[in-house]
C-alpha atoms as a PDB file:
ATOM      1  CA  MET A   1      82.043  67.238 110.003  1.00  0.00           C
ATOM      2  CA  GLU A   2      84.829  64.785 110.840  1.00  0.00           C
ATOM      3  CA  THR A   3      83.774  61.761 112.875  1.00  0.00           C
ATOM      4  CA  THR A   4      85.580  58.768 114.330  1.00  0.00           C
ATOM      5  CA  THR A   5      84.318  55.251 114.992  1.00  0.00           C
ATOM      6  CA  GLU A   6      85.586  52.766 117.507  1.00  0.00           C
ATOM      7  CA  SER A   7      84.616  49.899 119.785  1.00  0.00           C
ATOM      8  CA  PHE A   8      84.346  50.259 123.561  1.00  0.00           C
ATOM      9  CA  ARG A   9      84.707  47.132 125.694  1.00  0.00           C
ATOM     10  CA  THR A  10      82.874  47.074 129.025  1.00  0.00           C
ATOM     11  CA  SER A  11      84.169  45.317 132.138  1.00  0.00           C
ATOM     12  CA  THR A  12      81.788  42.443 131.348  1.00  0.00           C
ATOM     13  CA  GLY A  13      83.423  41.874 127.951  1.00  0.00           C
ATOM     14  CA  VAL A  14      80.701  43.477 125.823  1.00  0.00           C
ATOM     15  CA  ASP A  15      81.896  45.456 122.801  1.00  0.00           C
ATOM     16  CA  LEU A  16      79.835  48.549 121.968  1.00  0.00           C
ATOM     17  CA  GLY A  17      80.187  50.159 118.557  1.00  0.00           C
ATOM     18  CA  LEU A  18      80.203  53.935 118.740  1.00  0.00           C
ATOM     19  CA  GLU A  19      80.826  57.063 116.718  1.00  0.00           C
ATOM     20  CA  HIS A  20      82.245  60.388 117.939  1.00  0.00           C
ATOM     21  CA  PHE A  21      81.310  63.898 116.777  1.00  0.00           C
ATOM     22  CA  GLY A  22      83.037  67.064 117.951  1.00  0.00           C
ATOM     23  CA  ASP A  23      85.738  67.800 120.504  1.00  0.00           C
ATOM     24  CA  ALA A  24      86.472  64.868 122.828  1.00  0.00           C
ATOM     25  CA  ALA A  25      87.303  67.362 125.598  1.00  0.00           C
ATOM     26  CA  ALA A  26      83.831  68.959 125.454  1.00  0.00           C
ATOM     27  CA  PRO A  27      80.909  67.922 127.683  1.00  0.00           C
ATOM     28  CA  LEU A  28      79.597  64.503 126.683  1.00  0.00           C
ATOM     29  CA  VAL A  29      76.188  63.848 125.132  1.00  0.00           C
ATOM     30  CA  LEU A  30      75.645  60.083 124.880  1.00  0.00           C
ATOM     31  CA  LEU A  31      73.010  58.876 122.420  1.00  0.00           C
ATOM     32  CA  ALA A  32      71.652  55.362 122.962  1.00  0.00           C
ATOM     33  CA  GLY A  33      70.512  53.732 119.735  1.00  0.00           C
ATOM     34  CA  GLY A  34      66.958  52.708 119.103  1.00  0.00           C
ATOM     35  CA  PRO A  35      68.390  50.106 118.626  1.00  0.00           C
ATOM     36  CA  THR A  36      71.189  51.145 116.215  1.00  0.00           C
ATOM     37  CA  MET A  37      73.101  54.406 116.474  1.00  0.00           C
ATOM     38  CA  LEU A  38      71.620  55.485 113.128  1.00  0.00           C
ATOM     39  CA  SER A  39      68.298  56.105 114.878  1.00  0.00           C
ATOM     40  CA  TRP A  40      69.959  59.424 115.725  1.00  0.00           C
ATOM     41  CA  PRO A  41      70.220  61.532 112.532  1.00  0.00           C
ATOM     42  CA  ASP A  42      73.633  62.715 111.403  1.00  0.00           C
ATOM     43  CA  GLY A  43      72.341  66.286 111.267  1.00  0.00           C
ATOM     44  CA  LEU A  44      71.319  66.255 114.920  1.00  0.00           C
ATOM     45  CA  CYS A  45      74.664  64.806 116.027  1.00  0.00           C
ATOM     46  CA  GLU A  46      76.486  67.475 114.017  1.00  0.00           C
ATOM     47  CA  ALA A  47      74.251  70.245 115.367  1.00  0.00           C
ATOM     48  CA  LEU A  48      74.989  69.216 118.955  1.00  0.00           C
ATOM     49  CA  ALA A  49      78.726  69.067 118.214  1.00  0.00           C
ATOM     50  CA  ARG A  50      78.640  72.565 116.701  1.00  0.00           C
ATOM     51  CA  ARG A  51      77.107  73.740 119.967  1.00  0.00           C
ATOM     52  CA  GLY A  52      80.197  72.660 121.869  1.00  0.00           C
ATOM     53  CA  ARG A  53      79.388  69.076 122.819  1.00  0.00           C
ATOM     54  CA  HIS A  54      81.262  65.805 122.446  1.00  0.00           C
ATOM     55  CA  VAL A  55      78.546  63.650 120.878  1.00  0.00           C
ATOM     56  CA  VAL A  56      78.780  59.857 120.990  1.00  0.00           C
ATOM     57  CA  ARG A  57      76.078  57.686 119.487  1.00  0.00           C
ATOM     58  CA  TYR A  58      76.245  53.927 119.980  1.00  0.00           C
ATOM     59  CA  ASP A  59      74.636  50.644 118.972  1.00  0.00           C
ATOM     60  CA  LEU A  60      72.767  48.588 121.544  1.00  0.00           C
ATOM     61  CA  ARG A  61      73.826  44.965 121.858  1.00  0.00           C
ATOM     62  CA  ASP A  62      72.908  42.659 118.966  1.00  0.00           C
ATOM     63  CA  THR A  63      72.934  45.573 116.504  1.00  0.00           C
ATOM     64  CA  GLY A  64      75.474  47.405 114.376  1.00  0.00           C
ATOM     65  CA  ALA A  65      79.073  47.114 115.491  1.00  0.00           C
ATOM     66  CA  SER A  66      78.191  46.019 119.028  1.00  0.00           C
ATOM     67  CA  THR A  67      78.462  42.469 120.349  1.00  0.00           C
ATOM     68  CA  THR A  68      76.057  40.261 118.427  1.00  0.00           C
ATOM     69  CA  ALA A  69      75.093  36.819 119.664  1.00  0.00           C
ATOM     70  CA  ASP A  70      71.493  35.654 119.214  1.00  0.00           C
ATOM     71  CA  PRO A  71      69.007  38.520 118.863  1.00  0.00           C
ATOM     72  CA  GLU A  72      66.097  36.068 118.963  1.00  0.00           C
ATOM     73  CA  ALA A  73      67.126  34.802 122.421  1.00  0.00           C
ATOM     74  CA  PRO A  74      69.124  37.514 124.224  1.00  0.00           C
ATOM     75  CA  ALA A  75      71.056  36.284 127.241  1.00  0.00           C
ATOM     76  CA  TYR A  76      70.911  39.735 128.864  1.00  0.00           C
ATOM     77  CA  THR A  77      68.234  42.062 130.229  1.00  0.00           C
ATOM     78  CA  LEU A  78      67.146  45.672 129.964  1.00  0.00           C
ATOM     79  CA  ARG A  79      69.129  46.279 133.161  1.00  0.00           C
ATOM     80  CA  ASP A  80      72.269  45.041 131.400  1.00  0.00           C
ATOM     81  CA  LEU A  81      71.672  47.517 128.569  1.00  0.00           C
ATOM     82  CA  ALA A  82      71.294  50.255 131.188  1.00  0.00           C
ATOM     83  CA  GLU A  83      74.592  49.144 132.717  1.00  0.00           C
ATOM     84  CA  ASP A  84      76.204  49.420 129.262  1.00  0.00           C
ATOM     85  CA  ALA A  85      75.093  53.065 129.057  1.00  0.00           C
ATOM     86  CA  ALA A  86      76.517  53.830 132.486  1.00  0.00           C
ATOM     87  CA  ALA A  87      79.784  52.055 131.677  1.00  0.00           C
ATOM     88  CA  LEU A  88      80.127  54.096 128.486  1.00  0.00           C
ATOM     89  CA  ALA A  89      79.411  57.370 130.276  1.00  0.00           C
ATOM     90  CA  ARG A  90      82.000  56.630 132.955  1.00  0.00           C
ATOM     91  CA  GLY A  91      84.559  55.314 130.484  1.00  0.00           C
ATOM     92  CA  LEU A  92      84.343  58.242 128.079  1.00  0.00           C
ATOM     93  CA  ASP A  93      84.395  61.157 130.529  1.00  0.00           C
ATOM     94  CA  ASP A  94      85.289  61.894 134.144  1.00  0.00           C
ATOM     95  CA  LEU A  95      82.104  63.965 134.482  1.00  0.00           C
ATOM     96  CA  PRO A  96      78.496  62.771 134.330  1.00  0.00           C
ATOM     97  CA  ALA A  97      77.049  62.672 130.799  1.00  0.00           C
ATOM     98  CA  HIS A  98      73.873  63.942 129.205  1.00  0.00           C
ATOM     99  CA  LEU A  99      72.130  60.699 128.215  1.00  0.00           C
ATOM    100  CA  ALA A 100      69.589  60.549 125.402  1.00  0.00           C
ATOM    101  CA  GLY A 101      67.559  57.576 124.225  1.00  0.00           C
ATOM    102  CA  ILE A 102      65.182  57.228 121.285  1.00  0.00           C
ATOM    103  CA  GLY A 103      62.430  54.622 120.884  1.00  0.00           C
ATOM    104  CA  VAL A 104      63.434  51.477 122.764  1.00  0.00           C
ATOM    105  CA  GLY A 105      66.695  53.292 123.547  1.00  0.00           C
ATOM    106  CA  GLY A 106      64.554  55.682 125.579  1.00  0.00           C
ATOM    107  CA  MET A 107      63.569  52.776 127.795  1.00  0.00           C
ATOM    108  CA  VAL A 108      67.252  51.969 128.274  1.00  0.00           C
ATOM    109  CA  ALA A 109      67.924  55.623 129.124  1.00  0.00           C
ATOM    110  CA  GLN A 110      65.157  55.798 131.743  1.00  0.00           C
ATOM    111  CA  VAL A 111      66.415  52.715 133.566  1.00  0.00           C
ATOM    112  CA  ALA A 112      70.056  53.803 133.265  1.00  0.00           C
ATOM    113  CA  ALA A 113      69.311  57.195 134.815  1.00  0.00           C
ATOM    114  CA  LEU A 114      67.314  55.562 137.624  1.00  0.00           C
ATOM    115  CA  ASP A 115      69.824  52.811 138.407  1.00  0.00           C
ATOM    116  CA  HIS A 116      73.026  54.835 137.882  1.00  0.00           C
ATOM    117  CA  PRO A 117      72.190  58.434 138.851  1.00  0.00           C
ATOM    118  CA  ASP A 118      75.843  59.330 139.437  1.00  0.00           C
ATOM    119  CA  ALA A 119      76.699  58.654 135.784  1.00  0.00           C
ATOM    120  CA  PHE A 120      74.317  61.191 134.231  1.00  0.00           C
ATOM    121  CA  SER A 121      73.779  64.935 134.491  1.00  0.00           C
ATOM    122  CA  ALA A 122      70.756  65.285 132.172  1.00  0.00           C
ATOM    123  CA  LEU A 123      68.302  63.127 130.280  1.00  0.00           C
ATOM    124  CA  THR A 124      66.548  63.339 126.904  1.00  0.00           C
ATOM    125  CA  LEU A 125      63.797  60.875 126.005  1.00  0.00           C
ATOM    126  CA  ALA A 126      62.659  60.859 122.377  1.00  0.00           C
ATOM    127  CA  GLY A 127      59.692  58.965 120.967  1.00  0.00           C
ATOM    128  CA  THR A 128      59.444  56.501 123.823  1.00  0.00           C
ATOM    129  CA  ARG A 129      57.173  55.485 126.700  1.00  0.00           C
ATOM    130  CA  PRO A 130      57.406  54.730 130.440  1.00  0.00           C
ATOM    131  CA  VAL A 131      56.684  50.987 130.162  1.00  0.00           C
ATOM    132  CA  ALA A 132      58.339  48.061 128.396  1.00  0.00           C
ATOM    133  CA  PRO A 133      57.301  46.554 125.056  1.00  0.00           C
ATOM    134  CA  GLY A 134      54.135  44.503 125.346  1.00  0.00           C
ATOM    135  CA  PRO A 135      50.763  45.299 126.936  1.00  0.00           C
ATOM    136  CA  VAL A 136      50.512  48.980 127.777  1.00  0.00           C
ATOM    137  CA  ASP A 137      49.094  50.514 130.974  1.00  0.00           C
ATOM    138  CA  ASP A 138      45.394  51.390 130.785  1.00  0.00           C
ATOM    139  CA  ASP A 139      46.068  55.137 131.024  1.00  0.00           C
ATOM    140  CA  LEU A 140      48.587  55.168 128.159  1.00  0.00           C
ATOM    141  CA  PRO A 141      47.714  55.179 124.449  1.00  0.00           C
ATOM    142  CA  ASP A 142      48.677  51.951 122.685  1.00  0.00           C
ATOM    143  CA  HIS A 143      49.923  51.588 119.121  1.00  0.00           C
ATOM    144  CA  ASP A 144      47.440  52.979 116.611  1.00  0.00           C
ATOM    145  CA  ALA A 145      45.420  49.958 115.501  1.00  0.00           C
ATOM    146  CA  HIS A 146      45.003  51.000 111.868  1.00  0.00           C
ATOM    147  CA  THR A 147      48.719  51.721 111.523  1.00  0.00           C
ATOM    148  CA  MET A 148      49.643  48.363 113.033  1.00  0.00           C
ATOM    149  CA  GLU A 149      47.235  46.596 110.679  1.00  0.00           C
ATOM    150  CA  ARG A 150      48.901  48.267 107.694  1.00  0.00           C
ATOM    151  CA  MET A 151      52.382  47.471 109.019  1.00  0.00           C
ATOM    152  CA  PHE A 152      51.585  43.800 109.547  1.00  0.00           C
ATOM    153  CA  ALA A 153      50.104  43.655 106.046  1.00  0.00           C
ATOM    154  CA  LEU A 154      53.485  44.532 104.518  1.00  0.00           C
ATOM    155  CA  PRO A 155      55.178  41.388 103.174  1.00  0.00           C
ATOM    156  CA  MET A 156      58.432  40.622 104.967  1.00  0.00           C
ATOM    157  CA  PRO A 157      61.486  40.987 102.723  1.00  0.00           C
ATOM    158  CA  ASP A 158      64.311  38.573 102.200  1.00  0.00           C
ATOM    159  CA  TRP A 159      66.415  39.977 105.024  1.00  0.00           C
ATOM    160  CA  SER A 160      69.612  39.012 103.210  1.00  0.00           C
ATOM    161  CA  ASP A 161      68.629  41.072 100.143  1.00  0.00           C
ATOM    162  CA  ARG A 162      69.870  44.670 100.516  1.00  0.00           C
ATOM    163  CA  ASP A 163      67.487  46.170  97.956  1.00  0.00           C
ATOM    164  CA  ALA A 164      64.479  44.289  99.328  1.00  0.00           C
ATOM    165  CA  VAL A 165      65.276  45.473 102.848  1.00  0.00           C
ATOM    166  CA  ALA A 166      65.550  49.075 101.639  1.00  0.00           C
ATOM    167  CA  ASP A 167      62.207  48.800  99.835  1.00  0.00           C
ATOM    168  CA  PHE A 168      60.585  47.397 102.965  1.00  0.00           C
ATOM    169  CA  ALA A 169      62.021  50.188 105.120  1.00  0.00           C
ATOM    170  CA  ALA A 170      60.644  52.833 102.762  1.00  0.00           C
ATOM    171  CA  ALA A 171      57.191  51.216 102.740  1.00  0.00           C
ATOM    172  CA  ASN A 172      57.216  50.874 106.529  1.00  0.00           C
ATOM    173  CA  ALA A 173      58.228  54.526 106.928  1.00  0.00           C
ATOM    174  CA  GLU A 174      55.358  55.635 104.719  1.00  0.00           C
ATOM    175  CA  VAL A 175      52.917  53.707 106.932  1.00  0.00           C
ATOM    176  CA  LEU A 176      54.371  55.288 110.075  1.00  0.00           C
ATOM    177  CA  GLY A 177      54.350  58.797 108.620  1.00  0.00           C
ATOM    178  CA  ASN A 178      58.122  59.149 108.290  1.00  0.00           C
ATOM    179  CA  ASP A 179      60.146  60.201 105.243  1.00  0.00           C
ATOM    180  CA  PRO A 180      60.464  57.074 103.038  1.00  0.00           C
ATOM    181  CA  VAL A 181      63.491  58.443 101.160  1.00  0.00           C
ATOM    182  CA  ALA A 182      65.407  59.035 104.400  1.00  0.00           C
ATOM    183  CA  ALA A 183      64.280  55.652 105.754  1.00  0.00           C
ATOM    184  CA  ARG A 184      65.520  53.863 102.635  1.00  0.00           C
ATOM    185  CA  ALA A 185      68.938  55.518 102.898  1.00  0.00           C
ATOM    186  CA  THR A 186      69.216  54.685 106.598  1.00  0.00           C
ATOM    187  CA  ALA A 187      68.177  51.072 106.005  1.00  0.00           C
ATOM    188  CA  VAL A 188      70.971  50.673 103.452  1.00  0.00           C
ATOM    189  CA  ARG A 189      73.504  52.074 105.911  1.00  0.00           C
ATOM    190  CA  ILE A 190      72.225  49.766 108.641  1.00  0.00           C
ATOM    191  CA  PHE A 191      72.398  46.791 106.274  1.00  0.00           C
ATOM    192  CA  ASP A 192      75.979  47.585 105.303  1.00  0.00           C
ATOM    193  CA  ARG A 193      77.001  47.870 108.968  1.00  0.00           C
ATOM    194  CA  THR A 194      75.367  44.601 110.018  1.00  0.00           C
ATOM    195  CA  PRO A 195      78.202  42.233 110.984  1.00  0.00           C
ATOM    196  CA  SER A 196      76.483  38.999 109.955  1.00  0.00           C
ATOM    197  CA  ALA A 197      74.831  37.634 106.826  1.00  0.00           C
ATOM    198  CA  GLU A 198      72.242  35.829 108.963  1.00  0.00           C
ATOM    199  CA  PRO A 199      68.714  37.015 108.097  1.00  0.00           C
ATOM    200  CA  ALA A 200      67.724  37.079 111.787  1.00  0.00           C
ATOM    201  CA  VAL A 201      70.570  39.480 112.548  1.00  0.00           C
ATOM    202  CA  HIS A 202      69.613  41.784 109.674  1.00  0.00           C
ATOM    203  CA  ARG A 203      65.991  41.701 110.877  1.00  0.00           C
ATOM    204  CA  ALA A 204      67.073  42.620 114.407  1.00  0.00           C
ATOM    205  CA  ASN A 205      69.190  45.501 113.121  1.00  0.00           C
ATOM    206  CA  GLN A 206      66.375  46.895 111.014  1.00  0.00           C
ATOM    207  CA  LEU A 207      63.418  46.346 113.362  1.00  0.00           C
ATOM    208  CA  GLY A 208      64.854  46.067 116.873  1.00  0.00           C
ATOM    209  CA  MET A 209      63.074  42.758 117.352  1.00  0.00           C
ATOM    210  CA  VAL A 210      65.420  41.758 120.164  1.00  0.00           C
ATOM    211  CA  PHE A 211      63.098  43.697 122.486  1.00  0.00           C
ATOM    212  CA  ALA A 212      60.325  41.204 121.765  1.00  0.00           C
ATOM    213  CA  ALA A 213      62.365  38.589 123.648  1.00  0.00           C
ATOM    214  CA  LEU A 214      64.192  40.817 126.144  1.00  0.00           C
ATOM    215  CA  ASP A 215      63.517  40.597 129.879  1.00  0.00           C
ATOM    216  CA  CYS A 216      62.508  44.145 130.801  1.00  0.00           C
ATOM    217  CA  THR A 217      61.292  43.432 134.342  1.00  0.00           C
ATOM    218  CA  PRO A 218      60.892  44.872 136.892  1.00  0.00           C
ATOM    219  CA  ARG A 219      58.716  47.872 135.999  1.00  0.00           C
ATOM    220  CA  TRP A 220      60.257  51.305 136.360  1.00  0.00           C
ATOM    221  CA  ARG A 221      57.368  53.717 135.701  1.00  0.00           C
ATOM    222  CA  GLU A 222      56.567  53.972 139.412  1.00  0.00           C
ATOM    223  CA  ARG A 223      60.148  55.155 140.025  1.00  0.00           C
ATOM    224  CA  LEU A 224      60.147  58.070 137.573  1.00  0.00           C
ATOM    225  CA  ALA A 225      59.586  60.565 140.411  1.00  0.00           C
ATOM    226  CA  GLU A 226      63.082  59.609 141.664  1.00  0.00           C
ATOM    227  CA  LEU A 227      64.751  61.254 138.645  1.00  0.00           C
ATOM    228  CA  ALA A 228      66.538  64.381 139.791  1.00  0.00           C
ATOM    229  CA  VAL A 229      68.322  65.481 136.605  1.00  0.00           C
ATOM    230  CA  PRO A 230      67.052  68.007 134.035  1.00  0.00           C
ATOM    231  CA  THR A 231      64.909  66.011 131.618  1.00  0.00           C
ATOM    232  CA  LEU A 232      63.590  66.777 128.148  1.00  0.00           C
ATOM    233  CA  VAL A 233      60.868  64.691 126.507  1.00  0.00           C
ATOM    234  CA  VAL A 234      60.741  64.985 122.702  1.00  0.00           C
ATOM    235  CA  HIS A 235      57.807  63.421 120.881  1.00  0.00           C
ATOM    236  CA  GLY A 236      56.278  63.558 117.419  1.00  0.00           C
ATOM    237  CA  ARG A 237      52.629  64.592 117.510  1.00  0.00           C
ATOM    238  CA  ARG A 238      51.965  62.258 114.568  1.00  0.00           C
ATOM    239  CA  ASP A 239      53.682  59.234 116.151  1.00  0.00           C
ATOM    240  CA  PRO A 240      51.293  56.279 115.680  1.00  0.00           C
ATOM    241  CA  PHE A 241      53.601  53.686 117.277  1.00  0.00           C
ATOM    242  CA  PHE A 242      54.095  55.356 120.653  1.00  0.00           C
ATOM    243  CA  PRO A 243      51.363  58.023 120.456  1.00  0.00           C
ATOM    244  CA  VAL A 244      52.166  61.406 121.960  1.00  0.00           C
ATOM    245  CA  GLY A 245      50.218  60.646 125.151  1.00  0.00           C
ATOM    246  CA  ASN A 246      53.156  58.462 126.171  1.00  0.00           C
ATOM    247  CA  GLY A 247      55.523  61.410 125.995  1.00  0.00           C
ATOM    248  CA  GLU A 248      53.025  63.572 127.857  1.00  0.00           C
ATOM    249  CA  ALA A 249      52.893  60.969 130.631  1.00  0.00           C
ATOM    250  CA  LEU A 250      56.688  60.932 130.923  1.00  0.00           C
ATOM    251  CA  ALA A 251      56.750  64.723 131.167  1.00  0.00           C
ATOM    252  CA  ARG A 252      54.095  64.681 133.909  1.00  0.00           C
ATOM    253  CA  GLU A 253      55.712  61.967 135.992  1.00  0.00           C
ATOM    254  CA  ILE A 254      59.359  63.076 135.836  1.00  0.00           C
ATOM    255  CA  PRO A 255      59.880  66.057 138.154  1.00  0.00           C
ATOM    256  CA  ASP A 256      60.222  69.363 136.284  1.00  0.00           C
ATOM    257  CA  ALA A 257      60.565  67.645 132.893  1.00  0.00           C
ATOM    258  CA  ARG A 258      60.115  69.743 129.755  1.00  0.00           C
ATOM    259  CA  LEU A 259      57.979  68.487 126.870  1.00  0.00           C
ATOM    260  CA  HIS A 260      58.847  69.415 123.275  1.00  0.00           C
ATOM    261  CA  VAL A 261      56.230  68.160 120.815  1.00  0.00           C
ATOM    262  CA  LEU A 262      57.264  68.103 117.147  1.00  0.00           C
ATOM    263  CA  ASP A 263      53.991  68.886 115.412  1.00  0.00           C
ATOM    264  CA  GLU A 264      54.972  67.572 111.977  1.00  0.00           C
ATOM    265  CA  ALA A 265      56.957  64.499 113.110  1.00  0.00           C
ATOM    266  CA  ALA A 266      56.033  60.837 113.571  1.00  0.00           C
ATOM    267  CA  THR A 267      58.508  58.292 115.009  1.00  0.00           C
ATOM    268  CA  ALA A 268      61.720  59.666 113.453  1.00  0.00           C
ATOM    269  CA  ILE A 269      63.372  63.041 114.027  1.00  0.00           C
ATOM    270  CA  PRO A 270      63.174  64.783 110.621  1.00  0.00           C
ATOM    271  CA  HIS A 271      66.381  66.177 109.180  1.00  0.00           C
ATOM    272  CA  ASP A 272      64.929  69.681 108.921  1.00  0.00           C
ATOM    273  CA  LEU A 273      64.206  69.750 112.662  1.00  0.00           C
ATOM    274  CA  ALA A 274      67.758  68.853 113.727  1.00  0.00           C
ATOM    275  CA  GLU A 275      68.703  72.412 114.726  1.00  0.00           C
ATOM    276  CA  GLU A 276      65.460  72.924 116.665  1.00  0.00           C
ATOM    277  CA  VAL A 277      65.859  69.650 118.553  1.00  0.00           C
ATOM    278  CA  ALA A 278      69.533  70.336 119.290  1.00  0.00           C
ATOM    279  CA  ASP A 279      68.628  73.684 120.823  1.00  0.00           C
ATOM    280  CA  SER A 280      65.945  72.035 122.928  1.00  0.00           C
ATOM    281  CA  ILE A 281      68.264  69.274 124.146  1.00  0.00           C
ATOM    282  CA  LEU A 282      70.818  71.794 125.381  1.00  0.00           C
ATOM    283  CA  ALA A 283      68.366  74.309 126.859  1.00  0.00           C
ATOM    284  CA  ARG A 284      68.263  74.502 130.639  1.00  0.00           C
END
């Protein structure tokens, strides 16, 4: 399927790298990266476009083709990332968009839909949770301890070495329960798109570490009942990073939300489930 890439500049001077799939005149589905746009599989983007949608996936700040400054000390907040999503939705279409976020991008999507309800007509939250990175609420499952121990035991690569980064991504995927072959291929694509040779920038692109330093206050979980758009929660049953109880909590607390659990998935959306997930995203 033919795609186009471009940069979108917001009114605050932030450049957001994005990629288009499908007919630009069709209803817009906006996919917030987690943190790069490649968190959303090509197959899913193409499946949504074949179903008559204009699909746009984009990089969050400090990743991919978006404005990159200092990912170890971001001078912006989660609310600014939510504003980016709203600015994109308004700039790309006259009508409200279907907004989807995956992983940390799901946190961006929740806040964007709460703070800018006029910009969005529907919401999809994939593999995410209703609280910011850091200590989790007592009623939510935290990262699986054994998985985290294995992840932290992996030696960090030379982040300027493309092959070493790909090897690390494959090993990390195996720990998480994802497809290591797909993870390796994605890591190479992310590496090649990274606009800087600085190791810290490559690390941020691969791991999303900017969220470790990002100001995500104030809390938003207590506001989830305000969401008044059709919402789908997609979660891998085998997700050890944000265990499925987090997705179940989102589905309970967002009015009339639908929960779609992918029984064989972990943190990533597998290629062979792209058609199933596309159908679920567009179901009403």
